[in-house]
Amino acid sequence: MLMTLGAMTLLMIIIFRVNSGFLTTNEIMHDNKYGILAVSIGTSIIEEAKGKAFDSYTVASPAISTSQLTSVGHAWNEYYPNFNDFDDYDGLDIIDTTQASAQFRIQCRVDYVRANAPDVPVTPTKTWHKRIFVMVTSPFMTDTVRLSSVYSYFYFR
């Protein structure tokens, strides 16, 4: 009888350890899934922004001086997703509900930067380089995904 009780206790301990291992693995899998989705969403925003003109001035004609460039931010009559240039994404703060499994909050900031120091914003000084910084968060993720990219303007005659 005592041996049966010991065997049952040992079996319960083993089952408990296996179940807790499965739960931990499942949590890690879900966190990785949401992390991969967040990276994908952030990369999509960056690629979408890079598909736009460098500046609202360069939509219609080439810029030959940084003084022709506009300030960072969208015009009063521009709304996402109908932006026409890269820096319109500055201040973007949206909730992405297209994923059935989770909601993601996307926040963007755009700054002018120098080529030799792309991590240091120099806005309001205008340069030929702009950096977009994208943060993607979700209540289903433990970490915040942060992505950035520099977009430079080159005009060849």
C-alpha atoms as a PDB file:
ATOM      1  CA  MET A   1       0.000   0.000   0.000  1.00  0.00           C
ATOM      2  CA  LEU A   2       2.787   2.406   0.885  1.00  0.00           C
ATOM      3  CA  MET A   3       4.586   1.552  -2.328  1.00  0.00           C
ATOM      4  CA  THR A   4       1.432   2.272  -4.378  1.00  0.00           C
ATOM      5  CA  LEU A   5       1.034   5.634  -2.665  1.00  0.00           C
ATOM      6  CA  GLY A   6       4.686   6.505  -3.404  1.00  0.00           C
ATOM      7  CA  ALA A   7       4.266   5.477  -7.048  1.00  0.00           C
ATOM      8  CA  MET A   8       1.142   7.632  -7.383  1.00  0.00           C
ATOM      9  CA  THR A   9       2.942  10.626  -5.852  1.00  0.00           C
ATOM     10  CA  LEU A  10       5.887  10.150  -8.212  1.00  0.00           C
ATOM     11  CA  LEU A  11       3.508   9.893 -11.177  1.00  0.00           C
ATOM     12  CA  MET A  12       1.722  13.114 -10.130  1.00  0.00           C
ATOM     13  CA  ILE A  13       5.057  14.958  -9.871  1.00  0.00           C
ATOM     14  CA  ILE A  14       6.095  13.782 -13.336  1.00  0.00           C
ATOM     15  CA  ILE A  15       2.735  14.765 -14.861  1.00  0.00           C
ATOM     16  CA  PHE A  16       2.924  18.188 -13.199  1.00  0.00           C
ATOM     17  CA  ARG A  17       6.454  18.784 -14.558  1.00  0.00           C
ATOM     18  CA  VAL A  18       5.485  17.727 -18.089  1.00  0.00           C
ATOM     19  CA  ASN A  19       2.368  19.934 -18.080  1.00  0.00           C
ATOM     20  CA  SER A  20       4.268  22.972 -16.810  1.00  0.00           C
ATOM     21  CA  GLY A  21       6.891  22.365 -19.518  1.00  0.00           C
ATOM     22  CA  PHE A  22       4.163  22.256 -22.169  1.00  0.00           C
ATOM     23  CA  LEU A  23       2.588  25.462 -20.841  1.00  0.00           C
ATOM     24  CA  THR A  24       5.933  27.281 -20.878  1.00  0.00           C
ATOM     25  CA  THR A  25       6.638  26.083 -24.416  1.00  0.00           C
ATOM     26  CA  ASN A  26       3.162  27.181 -25.520  1.00  0.00           C
ATOM     27  CA  GLU A  27       3.661  30.671 -24.021  1.00  0.00           C
ATOM     28  CA  ILE A  28       7.011  31.022 -25.795  1.00  0.00           C
ATOM     29  CA  MET A  29       5.467  29.892 -29.088  1.00  0.00           C
ATOM     30  CA  HIS A  30       2.677  32.466 -28.812  1.00  0.00           C
ATOM     31  CA  ASP A  31       5.107  35.243 -27.891  1.00  0.00           C
ATOM     32  CA  ASN A  32       7.288  34.358 -30.885  1.00  0.00           C
ATOM     33  CA  LYS A  33       4.250  34.250 -33.173  1.00  0.00           C
ATOM     34  CA  TYR A  34       3.133  37.727 -32.123  1.00  0.00           C
ATOM     35  CA  GLY A  35       6.713  39.002 -32.324  1.00  0.00           C
ATOM     36  CA  ILE A  36       7.043  37.770 -35.902  1.00  0.00           C
ATOM     37  CA  LEU A  37       3.694  39.352 -36.811  1.00  0.00           C
ATOM     38  CA  ALA A  38       4.798  42.645 -35.226  1.00  0.00           C
ATOM     39  CA  VAL A  39       8.076  42.648 -37.190  1.00  0.00           C
ATOM     40  CA  SER A  40       6.122  41.942 -40.363  1.00  0.00           C
ATOM     41  CA  ILE A  41       3.676  44.792 -39.692  1.00  0.00           C
ATOM     42  CA  GLY A  42       6.495  47.219 -38.836  1.00  0.00           C
ATOM     43  CA  THR A  43       8.453  46.263 -41.947  1.00  0.00           C
ATOM     44  CA  SER A  44       5.332  46.734 -44.064  1.00  0.00           C
ATOM     45  CA  ILE A  45       4.888  50.269 -42.695  1.00  0.00           C
ATOM     46  CA  ILE A  46       8.529  51.098 -43.477  1.00  0.00           C
ATOM     47  CA  GLU A  47       8.286  49.695 -47.007  1.00  0.00           C
ATOM     48  CA  GLU A  48       5.015  51.543 -47.565  1.00  0.00           C
ATOM     49  CA  ALA A  49       6.617  54.813 -46.435  1.00  0.00           C
ATOM     50  CA  LYS A  50       9.671  54.255 -48.631  1.00  0.00           C
ATOM     51  CA  GLY A  51       7.357  53.810 -51.609  1.00  0.00           C
ATOM     52  CA  LYS A  52       6.272  57.437 -51.235  1.00  0.00           C
ATOM     53  CA  ALA A  53       8.099  60.561 -52.399  1.00  0.00           C
ATOM     54  CA  PHE A  54      10.945  61.765 -50.179  1.00  0.00           C
ATOM     55  CA  ASP A  55       9.200  65.065 -49.440  1.00  0.00           C
ATOM     56  CA  SER A  56       5.974  66.784 -50.430  1.00  0.00           C
ATOM     57  CA  TYR A  57       8.089  69.196 -52.501  1.00  0.00           C
ATOM     58  CA  THR A  58       9.623  66.304 -54.471  1.00  0.00           C
ATOM     59  CA  VAL A  59       6.206  64.870 -55.378  1.00  0.00           C
ATOM     60  CA  ALA A  60       5.955  67.293 -58.317  1.00  0.00           C
ATOM     61  CA  SER A  61       9.528  68.438 -58.965  1.00  0.00           C
ATOM     62  CA  PRO A  62      13.096  67.647 -57.917  1.00  0.00           C
ATOM     63  CA  ALA A  63      14.700  69.484 -55.024  1.00  0.00           C
ATOM     64  CA  ILE A  64      18.143  70.983 -55.548  1.00  0.00           C
ATOM     65  CA  SER A  65      18.495  72.589 -52.127  1.00  0.00           C
ATOM     66  CA  THR A  66      17.531  71.462 -48.625  1.00  0.00           C
ATOM     67  CA  SER A  67      15.791  74.812 -48.160  1.00  0.00           C
ATOM     68  CA  GLN A  68      13.109  73.568 -50.580  1.00  0.00           C
ATOM     69  CA  LEU A  69      12.241  70.639 -48.316  1.00  0.00           C
ATOM     70  CA  THR A  70       9.223  70.854 -46.034  1.00  0.00           C
ATOM     71  CA  SER A  71       8.935  70.279 -42.304  1.00  0.00           C
ATOM     72  CA  VAL A  72       8.336  66.770 -41.018  1.00  0.00           C
ATOM     73  CA  GLY A  73       4.690  65.750 -40.720  1.00  0.00           C
ATOM     74  CA  HIS A  74       1.568  65.433 -42.814  1.00  0.00           C
ATOM     75  CA  ALA A  75      -0.521  68.298 -44.134  1.00  0.00           C
ATOM     76  CA  TRP A  76      -3.859  69.116 -42.526  1.00  0.00           C
ATOM     77  CA  ASN A  77      -5.749  67.401 -45.360  1.00  0.00           C
ATOM     78  CA  GLU A  78      -3.682  64.174 -45.438  1.00  0.00           C
ATOM     79  CA  TYR A  79      -4.796  61.081 -43.567  1.00  0.00           C
ATOM     80  CA  TYR A  80      -3.388  57.569 -43.371  1.00  0.00           C
ATOM     81  CA  PRO A  81      -3.291  55.567 -45.651  1.00  0.00           C
ATOM     82  CA  ASN A  82      -3.446  58.372 -48.241  1.00  0.00           C
ATOM     83  CA  PHE A  83      -0.076  59.935 -47.466  1.00  0.00           C
ATOM     84  CA  ASN A  84       1.960  61.212 -50.417  1.00  0.00           C
ATOM     85  CA  ASP A  85       5.442  61.469 -48.920  1.00  0.00           C
ATOM     86  CA  PHE A  86       7.761  59.750 -46.444  1.00  0.00           C
ATOM     87  CA  ASP A  87       7.598  62.197 -43.556  1.00  0.00           C
ATOM     88  CA  ASP A  88       3.786  62.135 -43.462  1.00  0.00           C
ATOM     89  CA  TYR A  89       4.215  59.046 -41.260  1.00  0.00           C
ATOM     90  CA  ASP A  90       5.534  61.235 -38.425  1.00  0.00           C
ATOM     91  CA  GLY A  91       3.098  61.001 -35.530  1.00  0.00           C
ATOM     92  CA  LEU A  92       1.187  58.059 -36.999  1.00  0.00           C
ATOM     93  CA  ASP A  93      -0.522  56.159 -34.186  1.00  0.00           C
ATOM     94  CA  ILE A  94      -2.952  53.480 -35.339  1.00  0.00           C
ATOM     95  CA  ILE A  95      -4.401  50.196 -34.121  1.00  0.00           C
ATOM     96  CA  ASP A  96      -4.100  47.316 -36.583  1.00  0.00           C
ATOM     97  CA  THR A  97      -7.028  44.921 -36.185  1.00  0.00           C
ATOM     98  CA  THR A  98      -6.476  42.960 -39.397  1.00  0.00           C
ATOM     99  CA  GLN A  99      -4.998  39.990 -37.520  1.00  0.00           C
ATOM    100  CA  ALA A 100      -7.682  37.711 -36.127  1.00  0.00           C
ATOM    101  CA  SER A 101      -5.531  36.666 -33.174  1.00  0.00           C
ATOM    102  CA  ALA A 102      -4.372  40.033 -31.810  1.00  0.00           C
ATOM    103  CA  GLN A 103      -4.452  43.810 -32.093  1.00  0.00           C
ATOM    104  CA  PHE A 104      -1.247  45.744 -32.711  1.00  0.00           C
ATOM    105  CA  ARG A 105      -0.560  49.398 -31.978  1.00  0.00           C
ATOM    106  CA  ILE A 106       1.729  51.043 -34.540  1.00  0.00           C
ATOM    107  CA  GLN A 107       3.489  54.316 -33.747  1.00  0.00           C
ATOM    108  CA  CYS A 108       5.856  56.149 -36.092  1.00  0.00           C
ATOM    109  CA  ARG A 109       8.268  59.020 -35.800  1.00  0.00           C
ATOM    110  CA  VAL A 110      10.178  60.616 -38.687  1.00  0.00           C
ATOM    111  CA  ASP A 111      13.205  62.854 -38.240  1.00  0.00           C
ATOM    112  CA  TYR A 112      15.795  64.494 -40.426  1.00  0.00           C
ATOM    113  CA  VAL A 113      19.208  62.922 -39.751  1.00  0.00           C
ATOM    114  CA  ARG A 114      22.773  63.294 -40.969  1.00  0.00           C
ATOM    115  CA  ALA A 115      24.386  60.567 -43.068  1.00  0.00           C
ATOM    116  CA  ASN A 116      27.294  60.211 -40.647  1.00  0.00           C
ATOM    117  CA  ALA A 117      25.004  59.986 -37.562  1.00  0.00           C
ATOM    118  CA  PRO A 118      21.712  58.358 -38.595  1.00  0.00           C
ATOM    119  CA  ASP A 119      20.670  57.669 -34.983  1.00  0.00           C
ATOM    120  CA  VAL A 120      20.752  61.336 -33.972  1.00  0.00           C
ATOM    121  CA  PRO A 121      17.734  63.409 -35.048  1.00  0.00           C
ATOM    122  CA  VAL A 122      18.584  66.914 -36.275  1.00  0.00           C
ATOM    123  CA  THR A 123      15.009  68.082 -36.941  1.00  0.00           C
ATOM    124  CA  PRO A 124      14.117  70.940 -37.604  1.00  0.00           C
ATOM    125  CA  THR A 125      17.391  71.197 -39.577  1.00  0.00           C
ATOM    126  CA  LYS A 126      16.635  69.809 -43.039  1.00  0.00           C
ATOM    127  CA  THR A 127      18.992  67.287 -44.660  1.00  0.00           C
ATOM    128  CA  TRP A 128      18.881  64.840 -47.556  1.00  0.00           C
ATOM    129  CA  HIS A 129      18.235  61.978 -45.131  1.00  0.00           C
ATOM    130  CA  LYS A 130      15.149  61.091 -43.088  1.00  0.00           C
ATOM    131  CA  ARG A 131      14.811  58.285 -40.575  1.00  0.00           C
ATOM    132  CA  ILE A 132      11.571  56.517 -39.742  1.00  0.00           C
ATOM    133  CA  PHE A 133      11.273  54.884 -36.342  1.00  0.00           C
ATOM    134  CA  VAL A 134       8.421  52.375 -35.969  1.00  0.00           C
ATOM    135  CA  MET A 135       7.220  50.843 -32.696  1.00  0.00           C
ATOM    136  CA  VAL A 136       4.753  47.954 -32.667  1.00  0.00           C
ATOM    137  CA  THR A 137       3.150  46.837 -29.406  1.00  0.00           C
ATOM    138  CA  SER A 138       0.412  44.444 -28.399  1.00  0.00           C
ATOM    139  CA  PRO A 139      -1.060  43.332 -25.086  1.00  0.00           C
ATOM    140  CA  PHE A 140      -0.299  39.787 -26.266  1.00  0.00           C
ATOM    141  CA  MET A 141       3.473  40.453 -26.494  1.00  0.00           C
ATOM    142  CA  THR A 142       5.997  40.850 -23.699  1.00  0.00           C
ATOM    143  CA  ASP A 143       8.340  43.058 -25.748  1.00  0.00           C
ATOM    144  CA  THR A 144       7.976  46.099 -28.002  1.00  0.00           C
ATOM    145  CA  VAL A 145       9.235  45.728 -31.564  1.00  0.00           C
ATOM    146  CA  ARG A 146      11.312  48.743 -32.633  1.00  0.00           C
ATOM    147  CA  LEU A 147      12.422  49.160 -36.239  1.00  0.00           C
ATOM    148  CA  SER A 148      14.059  52.047 -38.050  1.00  0.00           C
ATOM    149  CA  SER A 149      15.259  52.853 -41.541  1.00  0.00           C
ATOM    150  CA  VAL A 150      16.883  55.806 -43.278  1.00  0.00           C
ATOM    151  CA  TYR A 151      15.503  57.155 -46.550  1.00  0.00           C
ATOM    152  CA  SER A 152      17.834  59.357 -48.571  1.00  0.00           C
ATOM    153  CA  TYR A 153      17.071  61.662 -51.475  1.00  0.00           C
ATOM    154  CA  PHE A 154      19.196  61.423 -54.587  1.00  0.00           C
ATOM    155  CA  TYR A 155      18.428  63.299 -57.774  1.00  0.00           C
ATOM    156  CA  PHE A 156      20.443  62.608 -60.893  1.00  0.00           C
ATOM    157  CA  ARG A 157      20.189  64.790 -63.971  1.00  0.00           C
END
